[in-house]
Amino acid sequence: MEKNGRYERVDFSPEGWSGVPDGAIGVWRTEVAEPELKIASFLDLDQLLDLFMQLAEQANEHQQKLRYVLALLLIRKKRLILDETLVKPDGNFMVLVGSQGEGTFEITEEQLSQFEVAQMQAEIEALGREPNSQAA
């Protein structure tokens, strides 16, 4: 669309779309896929859950982020179940339980970039390949 003598791209959500706006030069529709966290099928989910529980005892920021990404992977693989989400003054939290009756875990929701998620995922895969893996 032309605005102030320049052409500008204008994006609409499906809910905000009410038809082609006046002055539009072109219209196209696209959908942005949600980024997928892929976990290698050769990783043992019980081993990853053990790593997740080891990280529960760690206080360093990197390990908390690693634990959050590991929790997302284990939720996706149905090894952890999201029981509830909590909003507290010090942040948002996920309350998780193991699908085979393992405890209750409260995980801080981390704000990570896609790059950080990819780094954490690669680290998890490397740790998952090591016998008796230890947290970084």
Protein backbone atom coordinates (compact mmCIF):
# COMPACT_ATOMS: atom_id res chain seq x y z
CA MET A 1 0.00 0.00 0.00
CA GLU A 2 1.20 3.50 -0.63
CA LYS A 3 1.68 5.70 2.43
CA ASN A 4 3.43 9.07 2.47
CA GLY A 5 4.82 8.51 -1.03
CA ARG A 6 6.34 5.13 -0.11
CA TYR A 7 5.11 1.58 -0.48
CA GLU A 8 4.59 -0.32 2.74
CA ARG A 9 3.80 -3.91 3.44
CA VAL A 10 0.80 -4.39 5.72
CA ASP A 11 0.22 -7.73 7.47
CA PHE A 12 -3.11 -8.93 8.86
CA SER A 13 -4.02 -11.77 11.18
CA PRO A 14 -6.88 -14.03 10.02
CA GLU A 15 -9.10 -12.36 12.63
CA GLY A 16 -8.13 -8.87 11.42
CA TRP A 17 -8.72 -9.56 7.72
CA SER A 18 -11.88 -7.97 6.37
CA GLY A 19 -11.04 -8.09 2.67
CA VAL A 20 -8.63 -6.37 0.29
CA PRO A 21 -7.88 -2.86 1.56
CA ASP A 22 -8.27 0.13 -0.76
CA GLY A 23 -4.99 0.96 -2.48
CA ALA A 24 -3.54 -2.53 -2.18
CA ILE A 25 -1.05 -3.46 -4.90
CA GLY A 26 -1.02 -7.18 -4.21
CA VAL A 27 -2.46 -9.67 -1.77
CA TRP A 28 -1.18 -13.08 -0.72
CA ARG A 29 -1.80 -15.44 2.12
CA THR A 30 0.77 -17.41 4.02
CA GLU A 31 0.94 -19.30 7.28
CA VAL A 32 3.94 -19.25 9.55
CA ALA A 33 4.61 -22.71 10.92
CA GLU A 34 5.40 -23.07 14.60
CA PRO A 35 9.06 -23.96 15.06
CA GLU A 36 9.44 -27.59 15.95
CA LEU A 37 11.71 -28.97 18.57
CA LYS A 38 13.08 -32.15 17.08
CA ILE A 39 14.55 -34.82 19.26
CA ALA A 40 16.58 -37.61 17.80
CA SER A 41 14.71 -40.89 18.02
CA PHE A 42 17.80 -42.68 19.34
CA LEU A 43 17.72 -40.76 22.62
CA ASP A 44 16.37 -42.69 25.56
CA LEU A 45 13.45 -40.82 27.17
CA ASP A 46 14.07 -42.35 30.60
CA GLN A 47 17.70 -41.22 30.42
CA LEU A 48 16.54 -37.72 29.46
CA LEU A 49 14.09 -37.71 32.37
CA ASP A 50 16.96 -38.67 34.70
CA LEU A 51 18.96 -35.75 33.32
CA PHE A 52 15.93 -33.49 33.85
CA MET A 53 15.73 -34.57 37.50
CA GLN A 54 19.50 -34.05 37.98
CA LEU A 55 19.12 -30.51 36.66
CA ALA A 56 16.42 -29.85 39.28
CA GLU A 57 19.18 -29.71 41.87
CA GLN A 58 21.23 -27.18 39.89
CA ALA A 59 20.95 -23.44 40.44
CA ASN A 60 23.01 -22.01 37.59
CA GLU A 61 21.17 -20.05 34.90
CA HIS A 62 22.43 -22.12 31.96
CA GLN A 63 21.25 -25.35 33.57
CA GLN A 64 17.83 -23.83 34.32
CA LYS A 65 17.46 -22.93 30.63
CA LEU A 66 18.66 -26.40 29.64
CA ARG A 67 16.11 -27.94 32.00
CA TYR A 68 13.32 -25.81 30.50
CA VAL A 69 14.11 -26.93 26.94
CA LEU A 70 14.45 -30.52 28.13
CA ALA A 71 11.03 -30.20 29.81
CA LEU A 72 9.50 -29.01 26.52
CA LEU A 73 11.04 -31.98 24.69
CA LEU A 74 9.78 -34.43 27.30
CA ILE A 75 6.28 -32.88 27.19
CA ARG A 76 6.28 -33.21 23.41
CA LYS A 77 7.30 -36.88 23.72
CA LYS A 78 4.61 -37.38 26.39
CA ARG A 79 7.17 -38.40 29.03
CA LEU A 80 6.18 -35.37 31.13
CA ILE A 81 2.65 -34.04 31.48
CA LEU A 82 1.79 -30.37 31.95
CA ASP A 83 -0.44 -30.38 35.03
CA GLU A 84 -0.94 -26.61 35.37
CA THR A 85 0.64 -23.23 34.81
CA LEU A 86 1.20 -20.73 37.58
CA VAL A 87 1.64 -16.97 37.48
CA LYS A 88 3.64 -15.71 40.44
CA PRO A 89 5.28 -12.34 41.17
CA ASP A 90 8.68 -13.82 40.23
CA GLY A 91 7.53 -15.29 36.89
CA ASN A 92 5.43 -17.89 35.11
CA PHE A 93 5.85 -21.55 35.97
CA MET A 94 4.84 -24.92 34.53
CA VAL A 95 3.88 -27.67 36.94
CA LEU A 96 4.82 -31.02 35.42
CA VAL A 97 4.38 -34.65 36.44
CA GLY A 98 6.05 -37.72 35.00
CA SER A 99 3.85 -39.92 32.83
CA GLN A 100 4.88 -42.92 34.95
CA GLY A 101 4.15 -41.30 38.30
CA GLU A 102 7.43 -39.46 38.84
CA GLY A 103 7.10 -36.49 41.23
CA THR A 104 5.84 -32.99 40.67
CA PHE A 105 8.22 -30.51 39.07
CA GLU A 106 7.84 -26.73 38.99
CA ILE A 107 9.74 -25.21 36.05
CA THR A 108 10.27 -21.51 35.38
CA GLU A 109 9.16 -20.52 31.89
CA GLU A 110 12.28 -19.12 30.22
CA GLN A 111 12.31 -16.51 27.44
CA LEU A 112 14.73 -18.00 24.92
CA SER A 113 15.60 -17.04 21.36
CA GLN A 114 15.41 -19.67 18.63
CA PHE A 115 19.21 -19.68 18.60
CA GLU A 116 19.35 -20.43 22.35
CA VAL A 117 16.77 -23.22 21.94
CA ALA A 118 18.81 -24.76 19.12
CA GLN A 119 21.97 -24.59 21.26
CA MET A 120 20.22 -26.20 24.22
CA GLN A 121 18.72 -28.89 22.00
CA ALA A 122 22.15 -29.78 20.59
CA GLU A 123 23.54 -29.95 24.12
CA ILE A 124 20.69 -32.23 25.23
CA GLU A 125 21.29 -34.54 22.28
CA ALA A 126 25.02 -34.69 23.07
CA LEU A 127 24.32 -35.39 26.74
CA GLY A 128 21.72 -37.99 25.80
CA ARG A 129 24.30 -39.95 23.78
CA GLU A 130 26.74 -40.17 26.70
CA PRO A 131 26.44 -43.13 29.06
CA ASN A 132 25.35 -41.93 32.50
CA SER A 133 25.18 -38.36 31.22
CA GLN A 134 25.94 -35.52 33.61
CA ALA A 135 24.52 -31.99 33.49
CA ALA A 136 26.78 -29.32 32.02
